[in-house]
mmCIF file of all heavy atoms, coordinates in Angstrom:
data_MODEL
# 
_entry.id   MODEL 
# 
loop_
_atom_site.group_PDB 
_atom_site.id 
_atom_site.type_symbol 
_atom_site.label_atom_id 
_atom_site.label_alt_id 
_atom_site.label_comp_id 
_atom_site.label_asym_id 
_atom_site.label_entity_id 
_atom_site.label_seq_id 
_atom_site.pdbx_PDB_ins_code 
_atom_site.Cartn_x 
_atom_site.Cartn_y 
_atom_site.Cartn_z 
_atom_site.occupancy 
_atom_site.B_iso_or_equiv 
_atom_site.pdbx_formal_charge 
_atom_site.auth_seq_id 
_atom_site.auth_comp_id 
_atom_site.auth_asym_id 
_atom_site.auth_atom_id 
_atom_site.pdbx_PDB_model_num 
ATOM 1   N N   . GLY A 1 1  ? 88.654  99.323  95.848  1.00 0.00 ? 1  GLY A N   1 
ATOM 2   C CA  . GLY A 1 1  ? 89.423  100.451 95.333  1.00 0.00 ? 1  GLY A CA  1 
ATOM 3   C C   . GLY A 1 1  ? 89.614  101.518 96.395  1.00 0.00 ? 1  GLY A C   1 
ATOM 4   O O   . GLY A 1 1  ? 88.935  101.509 97.426  1.00 0.00 ? 1  GLY A O   1 
ATOM 5   N N   . GLU A 1 2  ? 90.521  102.450 96.126  1.00 0.00 ? 2  GLU A N   1 
ATOM 6   C CA  . GLU A 1 2  ? 90.690  103.599 97.021  1.00 0.00 ? 2  GLU A CA  1 
ATOM 7   C C   . GLU A 1 2  ? 89.414  104.446 97.040  1.00 0.00 ? 2  GLU A C   1 
ATOM 8   O O   . GLU A 1 2  ? 89.203  105.244 97.949  1.00 0.00 ? 2  GLU A O   1 
ATOM 9   C CB  . GLU A 1 2  ? 91.887  104.440 96.560  1.00 0.00 ? 2  GLU A CB  1 
ATOM 10  C CG  . GLU A 1 2  ? 93.201  103.737 96.804  1.00 0.00 ? 2  GLU A CG  1 
ATOM 11  C CD  . GLU A 1 2  ? 94.397  104.392 96.129  1.00 0.00 ? 2  GLU A CD  1 
ATOM 12  O OE1 . GLU A 1 2  ? 94.219  105.181 95.176  1.00 0.00 ? 2  GLU A OE1 1 
ATOM 13  O OE2 . GLU A 1 2  ? 95.526  104.093 96.554  1.00 0.00 ? 2  GLU A OE2 1 
ATOM 14  N N   . ASN A 1 3  ? 88.549  104.236 96.034  1.00 0.00 ? 3  ASN A N   1 
ATOM 15  C CA  . ASN A 1 3  ? 87.238  104.919 95.991  1.00 0.00 ? 3  ASN A CA  1 
ATOM 16  C C   . ASN A 1 3  ? 86.199  104.221 96.871  1.00 0.00 ? 3  ASN A C   1 
ATOM 17  O O   . ASN A 1 3  ? 85.027  104.579 96.828  1.00 0.00 ? 3  ASN A O   1 
ATOM 18  C CB  . ASN A 1 3  ? 86.741  104.983 94.542  1.00 0.00 ? 3  ASN A CB  1 
ATOM 19  C CG  . ASN A 1 3  ? 86.597  103.595 93.914  1.00 0.00 ? 3  ASN A CG  1 
ATOM 20  O OD1 . ASN A 1 3  ? 86.758  102.577 94.594  1.00 0.00 ? 3  ASN A OD1 1 
ATOM 21  N ND2 . ASN A 1 3  ? 86.310  103.544 92.635  1.00 0.00 ? 3  ASN A ND2 1 
ATOM 22  N N   . ARG A 1 4  ? 86.635  103.208 97.645  1.00 0.00 ? 4  ARG A N   1 
ATOM 23  C CA  . ARG A 1 4  ? 85.790  102.437 98.578  1.00 0.00 ? 4  ARG A CA  1 
ATOM 24  C C   . ARG A 1 4  ? 84.781  101.538 97.882  1.00 0.00 ? 4  ARG A C   1 
ATOM 25  O O   . ARG A 1 4  ? 83.905  100.983 98.526  1.00 0.00 ? 4  ARG A O   1 
ATOM 26  C CB  . ARG A 1 4  ? 85.022  103.349 99.574  1.00 0.00 ? 4  ARG A CB  1 
ATOM 27  C CG  . ARG A 1 4  ? 85.823  104.437 100.245 1.00 0.00 ? 4  ARG A CG  1 
ATOM 28  C CD  . ARG A 1 4  ? 87.020  103.937 101.010 1.00 0.00 ? 4  ARG A CD  1 
ATOM 29  N NE  . ARG A 1 4  ? 86.678  103.125 102.160 1.00 0.00 ? 4  ARG A NE  1 
ATOM 30  C CZ  . ARG A 1 4  ? 87.483  102.179 102.673 1.00 0.00 ? 4  ARG A CZ  1 
ATOM 31  N NH1 . ARG A 1 4  ? 88.628  101.907 102.096 1.00 0.00 ? 4  ARG A NH1 1 
ATOM 32  N NH2 . ARG A 1 4  ? 87.114  101.498 103.727 1.00 0.00 ? 4  ARG A NH2 1 
ATOM 33  N N   . LYS A 1 5  ? 84.864  101.383 96.567  1.00 0.00 ? 5  LYS A N   1 
ATOM 34  C CA  . LYS A 1 5  ? 83.960  100.462 95.865  1.00 0.00 ? 5  LYS A CA  1 
ATOM 35  C C   . LYS A 1 5  ? 84.486  99.036  96.014  1.00 0.00 ? 5  LYS A C   1 
ATOM 36  O O   . LYS A 1 5  ? 85.679  98.790  95.890  1.00 0.00 ? 5  LYS A O   1 
ATOM 37  C CB  . LYS A 1 5  ? 83.856  100.835 94.381  1.00 0.00 ? 5  LYS A CB  1 
ATOM 38  C CG  . LYS A 1 5  ? 83.073  102.122 94.157  1.00 0.00 ? 5  LYS A CG  1 
ATOM 39  C CD  . LYS A 1 5  ? 82.377  102.081 92.804  1.00 0.00 ? 5  LYS A CD  1 
ATOM 40  C CE  . LYS A 1 5  ? 81.358  103.213 92.688  1.00 0.00 ? 5  LYS A CE  1 
ATOM 41  N NZ  . LYS A 1 5  ? 81.977  104.507 92.389  1.00 0.00 ? 5  LYS A NZ  1 
ATOM 42  N N   . LEU A 1 6  ? 83.561  98.105  96.268  1.00 0.00 ? 6  LEU A N   1 
ATOM 43  C CA  . LEU A 1 6  ? 83.917  96.705  96.495  1.00 0.00 ? 6  LEU A CA  1 
ATOM 44  C C   . LEU A 1 6  ? 83.356  95.843  95.370  1.00 0.00 ? 6  LEU A C   1 
ATOM 45  O O   . LEU A 1 6  ? 82.205  96.004  94.980  1.00 0.00 ? 6  LEU A O   1 
ATOM 46  C CB  . LEU A 1 6  ? 83.319  96.250  97.843  1.00 0.00 ? 6  LEU A CB  1 
ATOM 47  C CG  . LEU A 1 6  ? 83.333  94.748  98.161  1.00 0.00 ? 6  LEU A CG  1 
ATOM 48  C CD1 . LEU A 1 6  ? 84.748  94.259  98.424  1.00 0.00 ? 6  LEU A CD1 1 
ATOM 49  C CD2 . LEU A 1 6  ? 82.455  94.464  99.373  1.00 0.00 ? 6  LEU A CD2 1 
ATOM 50  N N   . ALA A 1 7  ? 84.178  94.961  94.837  1.00 0.00 ? 7  ALA A N   1 
ATOM 51  C CA  . ALA A 1 7  ? 83.703  93.979  93.853  1.00 0.00 ? 7  ALA A CA  1 
ATOM 52  C C   . ALA A 1 7  ? 84.000  92.590  94.401  1.00 0.00 ? 7  ALA A C   1 
ATOM 53  O O   . ALA A 1 7  ? 85.058  92.364  94.997  1.00 0.00 ? 7  ALA A O   1 
ATOM 54  C CB  . ALA A 1 7  ? 84.415  94.180  92.518  1.00 0.00 ? 7  ALA A CB  1 
ATOM 55  N N   . ILE A 1 8  ? 83.061  91.668  94.221  1.00 0.00 ? 8  ILE A N   1 
ATOM 56  C CA  . ILE A 1 8  ? 83.251  90.281  94.668  1.00 0.00 ? 8  ILE A CA  1 
ATOM 57  C C   . ILE A 1 8  ? 82.847  89.359  93.528  1.00 0.00 ? 8  ILE A C   1 
ATOM 58  O O   . ILE A 1 8  ? 81.790  89.537  92.930  1.00 0.00 ? 8  ILE A O   1 
ATOM 59  C CB  . ILE A 1 8  ? 82.381  89.964  95.910  1.00 0.00 ? 8  ILE A CB  1 
ATOM 60  C CG1 . ILE A 1 8  ? 82.855  90.812  97.101  1.00 0.00 ? 8  ILE A CG1 1 
ATOM 61  C CG2 . ILE A 1 8  ? 82.424  88.476  96.248  1.00 0.00 ? 8  ILE A CG2 1 
ATOM 62  C CD1 . ILE A 1 8  ? 82.088  90.576  98.382  1.00 0.00 ? 8  ILE A CD1 1 
ATOM 63  N N   . TYR A 1 9  ? 83.697  88.401  93.185  1.00 0.00 ? 9  TYR A N   1 
ATOM 64  C CA  . TYR A 1 9  ? 83.315  87.420  92.178  1.00 0.00 ? 9  TYR A CA  1 
ATOM 65  C C   . TYR A 1 9  ? 84.105  86.126  92.337  1.00 0.00 ? 9  TYR A C   1 
ATOM 66  O O   . TYR A 1 9  ? 85.108  86.079  93.070  1.00 0.00 ? 9  TYR A O   1 
ATOM 67  C CB  . TYR A 1 9  ? 83.445  87.981  90.758  1.00 0.00 ? 9  TYR A CB  1 
ATOM 68  C CG  . TYR A 1 9  ? 84.735  88.680  90.449  1.00 0.00 ? 9  TYR A CG  1 
ATOM 69  C CD1 . TYR A 1 9  ? 85.845  87.980  90.005  1.00 0.00 ? 9  TYR A CD1 1 
ATOM 70  C CD2 . TYR A 1 9  ? 84.836  90.060  90.579  1.00 0.00 ? 9  TYR A CD2 1 
ATOM 71  C CE1 . TYR A 1 9  ? 87.019  88.632  89.714  1.00 0.00 ? 9  TYR A CE1 1 
ATOM 72  C CE2 . TYR A 1 9  ? 86.014  90.716  90.279  1.00 0.00 ? 9  TYR A CE2 1 
ATOM 73  C CZ  . TYR A 1 9  ? 87.102  90.003  89.849  1.00 0.00 ? 9  TYR A CZ  1 
ATOM 74  O OH  . TYR A 1 9  ? 88.272  90.647  89.566  1.00 0.00 ? 9  TYR A OH  1 
ATOM 75  N N   . PRO A 1 10 ? 83.651  85.051  91.670  1.00 0.00 ? 10 PRO A N   1 
ATOM 76  C CA  . PRO A 1 10 ? 84.299  83.747  91.842  1.00 0.00 ? 10 PRO A CA  1 
ATOM 77  C C   . PRO A 1 10 ? 85.773  83.785  91.442  1.00 0.00 ? 10 PRO A C   1 
ATOM 78  O O   . PRO A 1 10 ? 86.143  84.397  90.440  1.00 0.00 ? 10 PRO A O   1 
ATOM 79  C CB  . PRO A 1 10 ? 83.509  82.831  90.906  1.00 0.00 ? 10 PRO A CB  1 
ATOM 80  C CG  . PRO A 1 10 ? 82.185  83.496  90.743  1.00 0.00 ? 10 PRO A CG  1 
ATOM 81  C CD  . PRO A 1 10 ? 82.463  84.961  90.796  1.00 0.00 ? 10 PRO A CD  1 
ATOM 82  N N   . ILE A 1 11 ? 86.564  83.109  92.239  1.00 0.00 ? 11 ILE A N   1 
ATOM 83  C CA  . ILE A 1 11 ? 88.012  83.116  92.044  1.00 0.00 ? 11 ILE A CA  1 
ATOM 84  C C   . ILE A 1 11 ? 88.403  82.441  90.728  1.00 0.00 ? 11 ILE A C   1 
ATOM 85  O O   . ILE A 1 11 ? 89.433  82.765  90.147  1.00 0.00 ? 11 ILE A O   1 
ATOM 86  C CB  . ILE A 1 11 ? 88.683  82.448  93.265  1.00 0.00 ? 11 ILE A CB  1 
ATOM 87  C CG1 . ILE A 1 11 ? 90.017  83.085  93.547  1.00 0.00 ? 11 ILE A CG1 1 
ATOM 88  C CG2 . ILE A 1 11 ? 88.757  80.961  93.148  1.00 0.00 ? 11 ILE A CG2 1 
ATOM 89  C CD1 . ILE A 1 11 ? 90.526  82.803  94.931  1.00 0.00 ? 11 ILE A CD1 1 
ATOM 90  N N   . ASP A 1 12 ? 87.549  81.519  90.257  1.00 0.00 ? 12 ASP A N   1 
ATOM 91  C CA  . ASP A 1 12 ? 87.920  80.824  89.016  1.00 0.00 ? 12 ASP A CA  1 
ATOM 92  C C   . ASP A 1 12 ? 87.769  81.724  87.783  1.00 0.00 ? 12 ASP A C   1 
ATOM 93  O O   . ASP A 1 12 ? 88.101  81.325  86.676  1.00 0.00 ? 12 ASP A O   1 
ATOM 94  C CB  . ASP A 1 12 ? 87.164  79.494  88.848  1.00 0.00 ? 12 ASP A CB  1 
ATOM 95  C CG  . ASP A 1 12 ? 85.659  79.649  88.955  1.00 0.00 ? 12 ASP A CG  1 
ATOM 96  O OD1 . ASP A 1 12 ? 85.169  80.785  88.809  1.00 0.00 ? 12 ASP A OD1 1 
ATOM 97  O OD2 . ASP A 1 12 ? 84.981  78.628  89.189  1.00 0.00 ? 12 ASP A OD2 1 
ATOM 98  N N   . GLN A 1 13 ? 87.287  82.954  87.975  1.00 0.00 ? 13 GLN A N   1 
ATOM 99  C CA  . GLN A 1 13 ? 87.267  83.918  86.866  1.00 0.00 ? 13 GLN A CA  1 
ATOM 100 C C   . GLN A 1 13 ? 88.606  84.645  86.711  1.00 0.00 ? 13 GLN A C   1 
ATOM 101 O O   . GLN A 1 13 ? 88.810  85.372  85.744  1.00 0.00 ? 13 GLN A O   1 
ATOM 102 C CB  . GLN A 1 13 ? 86.144  84.946  87.080  1.00 0.00 ? 13 GLN A CB  1 
ATOM 103 C CG  . GLN A 1 13 ? 84.758  84.338  86.935  1.00 0.00 ? 13 GLN A CG  1 
ATOM 104 C CD  . GLN A 1 13 ? 83.659  85.377  87.091  1.00 0.00 ? 13 GLN A CD  1 
ATOM 105 O OE1 . GLN A 1 13 ? 83.892  86.581  87.066  1.00 0.00 ? 13 GLN A OE1 1 
ATOM 106 N NE2 . GLN A 1 13 ? 82.436  84.893  87.250  1.00 0.00 ? 13 GLN A NE2 1 
ATOM 107 N N   . VAL A 1 14 ? 89.498  84.449  87.683  1.00 0.00 ? 14 VAL A N   1 
ATOM 108 C CA  . VAL A 1 14 ? 90.821  85.084  87.602  1.00 0.00 ? 14 VAL A CA  1 
ATOM 109 C C   . VAL A 1 14 ? 91.762  84.125  86.876  1.00 0.00 ? 14 VAL A C   1 
ATOM 110 O O   . VAL A 1 14 ? 91.971  83.002  87.330  1.00 0.00 ? 14 VAL A O   1 
ATOM 111 C CB  . VAL A 1 14 ? 91.375  85.386  89.015  1.00 0.00 ? 14 VAL A CB  1 
ATOM 112 C CG1 . VAL A 1 14 ? 92.713  86.099  88.921  1.00 0.00 ? 14 VAL A CG1 1 
ATOM 113 C CG2 . VAL A 1 14 ? 90.370  86.204  89.822  1.00 0.00 ? 14 VAL A CG2 1 
ATOM 114 N N   . PRO A 1 15 ? 92.324  84.531  85.727  1.00 0.00 ? 15 PRO A N   1 
ATOM 115 C CA  . PRO A 1 15 ? 93.142  83.600  84.949  1.00 0.00 ? 15 PRO A CA  1 
ATOM 116 C C   . PRO A 1 15 ? 94.491  83.293  85.604  1.00 0.00 ? 15 PRO A C   1 
ATOM 117 O O   . PRO A 1 15 ? 95.013  84.100  86.377  1.00 0.00 ? 15 PRO A O   1 
ATOM 118 C CB  . PRO A 1 15 ? 93.365  84.340  83.630  1.00 0.00 ? 15 PRO A CB  1 
ATOM 119 C CG  . PRO A 1 15 ? 93.273  85.783  83.991  1.00 0.00 ? 15 PRO A CG  1 
ATOM 120 C CD  . PRO A 1 15 ? 92.268  85.867  85.103  1.00 0.00 ? 15 PRO A CD  1 
ATOM 121 N N   . HIS A 1 16 ? 95.019  82.128  85.283  1.00 0.00 ? 16 HIS A N   1 
ATOM 122 C CA  . HIS A 1 16 ? 96.384  81.759  85.668  1.00 0.00 ? 16 HIS A CA  1 
ATOM 123 C C   . HIS A 1 16 ? 97.323  82.149  84.538  1.00 0.00 ? 16 HIS A C   1 
ATOM 124 O O   . HIS A 1 16 ? 97.048  81.858  83.378  1.00 0.00 ? 16 HIS A O   1 
ATOM 125 C CB  . HIS A 1 16 ? 96.491  80.249  85.914  1.00 0.00 ? 16 HIS A CB  1 
ATOM 126 C CG  . HIS A 1 16 ? 96.119  79.857  87.303  1.00 0.00 ? 16 HIS A CG  1 
ATOM 127 N ND1 . HIS A 1 16 ? 94.811  79.728  87.713  1.00 0.00 ? 16 HIS A ND1 1 
ATOM 128 C CD2 . HIS A 1 16 ? 96.891  79.598  88.391  1.00 0.00 ? 16 HIS A CD2 1 
ATOM 129 C CE1 . HIS A 1 16 ? 94.791  79.380  88.997  1.00 0.00 ? 16 HIS A CE1 1 
ATOM 130 N NE2 . HIS A 1 16 ? 96.033  79.301  89.431  1.00 0.00 ? 16 HIS A NE2 1 
ATOM 131 N N   . MET A 1 17 ? 98.421  82.797  84.871  1.00 0.00 ? 17 MET A N   1 
ATOM 132 C CA  . MET A 1 17 ? 99.417  83.174  83.879  1.00 0.00 ? 17 MET A CA  1 
ATOM 133 C C   . MET A 1 17 ? 100.794 82.971  84.499  1.00 0.00 ? 17 MET A C   1 
ATOM 134 O O   . MET A 1 17 ? 100.916 82.820  85.711  1.00 0.00 ? 17 MET A O   1 
ATOM 135 C CB  . MET A 1 17 ? 99.245  84.651  83.485  1.00 0.00 ? 17 MET A CB  1 
ATOM 136 C CG  . MET A 1 17 ? 97.884  84.970  82.879  1.00 0.00 ? 17 MET A CG  1 
ATOM 137 S SD  . MET A 1 17 ? 97.604  86.756  82.674  1.00 0.00 ? 17 MET A SD  1 
ATOM 138 C CE  . MET A 1 17 ? 98.588  87.091  81.240  1.00 0.00 ? 17 MET A CE  1 
ATOM 139 N N   . THR A 1 18 ? 101.816 82.974  83.667  1.00 0.00 ? 18 THR A N   1 
ATOM 140 C CA  . THR A 1 18 ? 103.179 82.930  84.200  1.00 0.00 ? 18 THR A CA  1 
ATOM 141 C C   . THR A 1 18 ? 103.866 84.269  83.988  1.00 0.00 ? 18 THR A C   1 
ATOM 142 O O   . THR A 1 18 ? 104.881 84.563  84.611  1.00 0.00 ? 18 THR A O   1 
ATOM 143 C CB  . THR A 1 18 ? 104.016 81.829  83.526  1.00 0.00 ? 18 THR A CB  1 
ATOM 144 O OG1 . THR A 1 18 ? 103.917 81.990  82.103  1.00 0.00 ? 18 THR A OG1 1 
ATOM 145 C CG2 . THR A 1 18 ? 103.512 80.452  83.905  1.00 0.00 ? 18 THR A CG2 1 
ATOM 146 N N   . ARG A 1 19 ? 103.287 85.106  83.113  1.00 0.00 ? 19 ARG A N   1 
ATOM 147 C CA  . ARG A 1 19 ? 103.833 86.438  82.887  1.00 0.00 ? 19 ARG A CA  1 
ATOM 148 C C   . ARG A 1 19 ? 102.811 87.266  82.126  1.00 0.00 ? 19 ARG A C   1 
ATOM 149 O O   . ARG A 1 19 ? 102.112 86.756  81.261  1.00 0.00 ? 19 ARG A O   1 
ATOM 150 C CB  . ARG A 1 19 ? 105.120 86.340  82.060  1.00 0.00 ? 19 ARG A CB  1 
ATOM 151 C CG  . ARG A 1 19 ? 105.755 87.696  81.765  1.00 0.00 ? 19 ARG A CG  1 
ATOM 152 C CD  . ARG A 1 19 ? 106.832 87.583  80.704  1.00 0.00 ? 19 ARG A CD  1 
ATOM 153 N NE  . ARG A 1 19 ? 107.170 88.913  80.235  1.00 0.00 ? 19 ARG A NE  1 
ATOM 154 C CZ  . ARG A 1 19 ? 108.356 89.496  80.411  1.00 0.00 ? 19 ARG A CZ  1 
ATOM 155 N NH1 . ARG A 1 19 ? 109.310 88.868  81.036  1.00 0.00 ? 19 ARG A NH1 1 
ATOM 156 N NH2 . ARG A 1 19 ? 108.575 90.708  79.951  1.00 0.00 ? 19 ARG A NH2 1 
ATOM 157 N N   . GLY A 1 20 ? 102.715 88.548  82.453  1.00 0.00 ? 20 GLY A N   1 
ATOM 158 C CA  . GLY A 1 20 ? 101.838 89.420  81.681  1.00 0.00 ? 20 GLY A CA  1 
ATOM 159 C C   . GLY A 1 20 ? 101.309 90.576  82.501  1.00 0.00 ? 20 GLY A C   1 
ATOM 160 O O   . GLY A 1 20 ? 101.673 90.755  83.661  1.00 0.00 ? 20 GLY A O   1 
ATOM 161 N N   . LYS A 1 21 ? 100.447 91.372  81.850  1.00 0.00 ? 21 LYS A N   1 
ATOM 162 C CA  . LYS A 1 21 ? 99.812  92.510  82.525  1.00 0.00 ? 21 LYS A CA  1 
ATOM 163 C C   . LYS A 1 21 ? 98.643  92.044  83.364  1.00 0.00 ? 21 LYS A C   1 
ATOM 164 O O   . LYS A 1 21 ? 98.222  92.723  84.302  1.00 0.00 ? 21 LYS A O   1 
ATOM 165 C CB  . LYS A 1 21 ? 99.290  93.502  81.482  1.00 0.00 ? 21 LYS A CB  1 
ATOM 166 C CG  . LYS A 1 21 ? 100.314 94.500  81.020  1.00 0.00 ? 21 LYS A CG  1 
ATOM 167 C CD  . LYS A 1 21 ? 99.651  95.606  80.223  1.00 0.00 ? 21 LYS A CD  1 
ATOM 168 C CE  . LYS A 1 21 ? 100.614 96.759  80.049  1.00 0.00 ? 21 LYS A CE  1 
ATOM 169 N NZ  . LYS A 1 21 ? 100.114 97.812  79.177  1.00 0.00 ? 21 LYS A NZ  1 
ATOM 170 N N   . GLY A 1 22 ? 98.081  90.904  82.989  1.00 0.00 ? 22 GLY A N   1 
ATOM 171 C CA  . GLY A 1 22 ? 96.913  90.405  83.696  1.00 0.00 ? 22 GLY A CA  1 
ATOM 172 C C   . GLY A 1 22 ? 95.635  90.974  83.108  1.00 0.00 ? 22 GLY A C   1 
ATOM 173 O O   . GLY A 1 22 ? 95.650  91.643  82.078  1.00 0.00 ? 22 GLY A O   1 
ATOM 174 N N   . VAL A 1 23 ? 94.538  90.698  83.781  1.00 0.00 ? 23 VAL A N   1 
ATOM 175 C CA  . VAL A 1 23 ? 93.228  91.178  83.331  1.00 0.00 ? 23 VAL A CA  1 
ATOM 176 C C   . VAL A 1 23 ? 92.738  92.223  84.321  1.00 0.00 ? 23 VAL A C   1 
ATOM 177 O O   . VAL A 1 23 ? 93.212  92.309  85.450  1.00 0.00 ? 23 VAL A O   1 
ATOM 178 C CB  . VAL A 1 23 ? 92.203  90.020  83.235  1.00 0.00 ? 23 VAL A CB  1 
ATOM 179 C CG1 . VAL A 1 23 ? 92.659  88.990  82.221  1.00 0.00 ? 23 VAL A CG1 1 
ATOM 180 C CG2 . VAL A 1 23 ? 91.975  89.364  84.594  1.00 0.00 ? 23 VAL A CG2 1 
ATOM 181 N N   . ARG A 1 24 ? 91.771  92.998  83.893  1.00 0.00 ? 24 ARG A N   1 
ATOM 182 C CA  . ARG A 1 24 ? 91.224  94.060  84.739  1.00 0.00 ? 24 ARG A CA  1 
ATOM 183 C C   . ARG A 1 24 ? 90.325  93.421  85.798  1.00 0.00 ? 24 ARG A C   1 
ATOM 184 O O   . ARG A 1 24 ? 89.244  92.945  85.484  1.00 0.00 ? 24 ARG A O   1 
ATOM 185 C CB  . ARG A 1 24 ? 90.424  95.007  83.844  1.00 0.00 ? 24 ARG A CB  1 
ATOM 186 C CG  . ARG A 1 24 ? 89.821  96.159  84.555  1.00 0.00 ? 24 ARG A CG  1 
ATOM 187 C CD  . ARG A 1 24 ? 90.795  97.245  84.905  1.00 0.00 ? 24 ARG A CD  1 
ATOM 188 N NE  . ARG A 1 24 ? 91.287  97.972  83.736  1.00 0.00 ? 24 ARG A NE  1 
ATOM 189 C CZ  . ARG A 1 24 ? 92.287  98.843  83.794  1.00 0.00 ? 24 ARG A CZ  1 
ATOM 190 N NH1 . ARG A 1 24 ? 92.906  99.062  84.943  1.00 0.00 ? 24 ARG A NH1 1 
ATOM 191 N NH2 . ARG A 1 24 ? 92.683  99.481  82.719  1.00 0.00 ? 24 ARG A NH2 1 
ATOM 192 N N   . LEU A 1 25 ? 90.788  93.380  87.040  1.00 0.00 ? 25 LEU A N   1 
ATOM 193 C CA  . LEU A 1 25 ? 89.999  92.783  88.119  1.00 0.00 ? 25 LEU A CA  1 
ATOM 194 C C   . LEU A 1 25 ? 89.019  93.802  88.700  1.00 0.00 ? 25 LEU A C   1 
ATOM 195 O O   . LEU A 1 25 ? 87.972  93.442  89.204  1.00 0.00 ? 25 LEU A O   1 
ATOM 196 C CB  . LEU A 1 25 ? 90.927  92.256  89.220  1.00 0.00 ? 25 LEU A CB  1 
ATOM 197 C CG  . LEU A 1 25 ? 91.908  91.161  88.776  1.00 0.00 ? 25 LEU A CG  1 
ATOM 198 C CD1 . LEU A 1 25 ? 92.873  90.819  89.899  1.00 0.00 ? 25 LEU A CD1 1 
ATOM 199 C CD2 . LEU A 1 25 ? 91.169  89.923  88.313  1.00 0.00 ? 25 LEU A CD2 1 
ATOM 200 N N   . GLN A 1 26 ? 89.384  95.070  88.637  1.00 0.00 ? 26 GLN A N   1 
ATOM 201 C CA  . GLN A 1 26 ? 88.478  96.147  89.032  1.00 0.00 ? 26 GLN A CA  1 
ATOM 202 C C   . GLN A 1 26 ? 88.920  97.404  88.293  1.00 0.00 ? 26 GLN A C   1 
ATOM 203 O O   . GLN A 1 26 ? 90.110  97.627  88.107  1.00 0.00 ? 26 GLN A O   1 
ATOM 204 C CB  . GLN A 1 26 ? 88.515  96.389  90.550  1.00 0.00 ? 26 GLN A CB  1 
ATOM 205 C CG  . GLN A 1 26 ? 87.369  97.273  91.046  1.00 0.00 ? 26 GLN A CG  1 
ATOM 206 C CD  . GLN A 1 26 ? 87.378  97.474  92.559  1.00 0.00 ? 26 GLN A CD  1 
ATOM 207 O OE1 . GLN A 1 26 ? 88.408  97.369  93.198  1.00 0.00 ? 26 GLN A OE1 1 
ATOM 208 N NE2 . GLN A 1 26 ? 86.229  97.777  93.132  1.00 0.00 ? 26 GLN A NE2 1 
ATOM 209 N N   . LYS A 1 27 ? 87.931  98.196  87.859  1.00 0.00 ? 27 LYS A N   1 
ATOM 210 C CA  . LYS A 1 27 ? 88.229  99.398  87.070  1.00 0.00 ? 27 LYS A CA  1 
ATOM 211 C C   . LYS A 1 27 ? 88.087  100.639 87.941  1.00 0.00 ? 27 LYS A C   1 
ATOM 212 O O   . LYS A 1 27 ? 87.164  100.727 88.744  1.00 0.00 ? 27 LYS A O   1 
ATOM 213 C CB  . LYS A 1 27 ? 87.242  99.466  85.895  1.00 0.00 ? 27 LYS A CB  1 
ATOM 214 C CG  . LYS A 1 27 ? 87.799  100.170 84.683  1.00 0.00 ? 27 LYS A CG  1 
ATOM 215 C CD  . LYS A 1 27 ? 86.828  100.069 83.520  1.00 0.00 ? 27 LYS A CD  1 
ATOM 216 C CE  . LYS A 1 27 ? 87.285  101.025 82.445  1.00 0.00 ? 27 LYS A CE  1 
ATOM 217 N NZ  . LYS A 1 27 ? 87.676  100.440 81.216  1.00 0.00 ? 27 LYS A NZ  1 
# 
């Protein structure tokens, strides 16, 4: 983030979509 906080997690937790807002990857 612009707040310099770093998050790391497995890529398979990121969903596949063809359209949408997506999921919150970092808050």
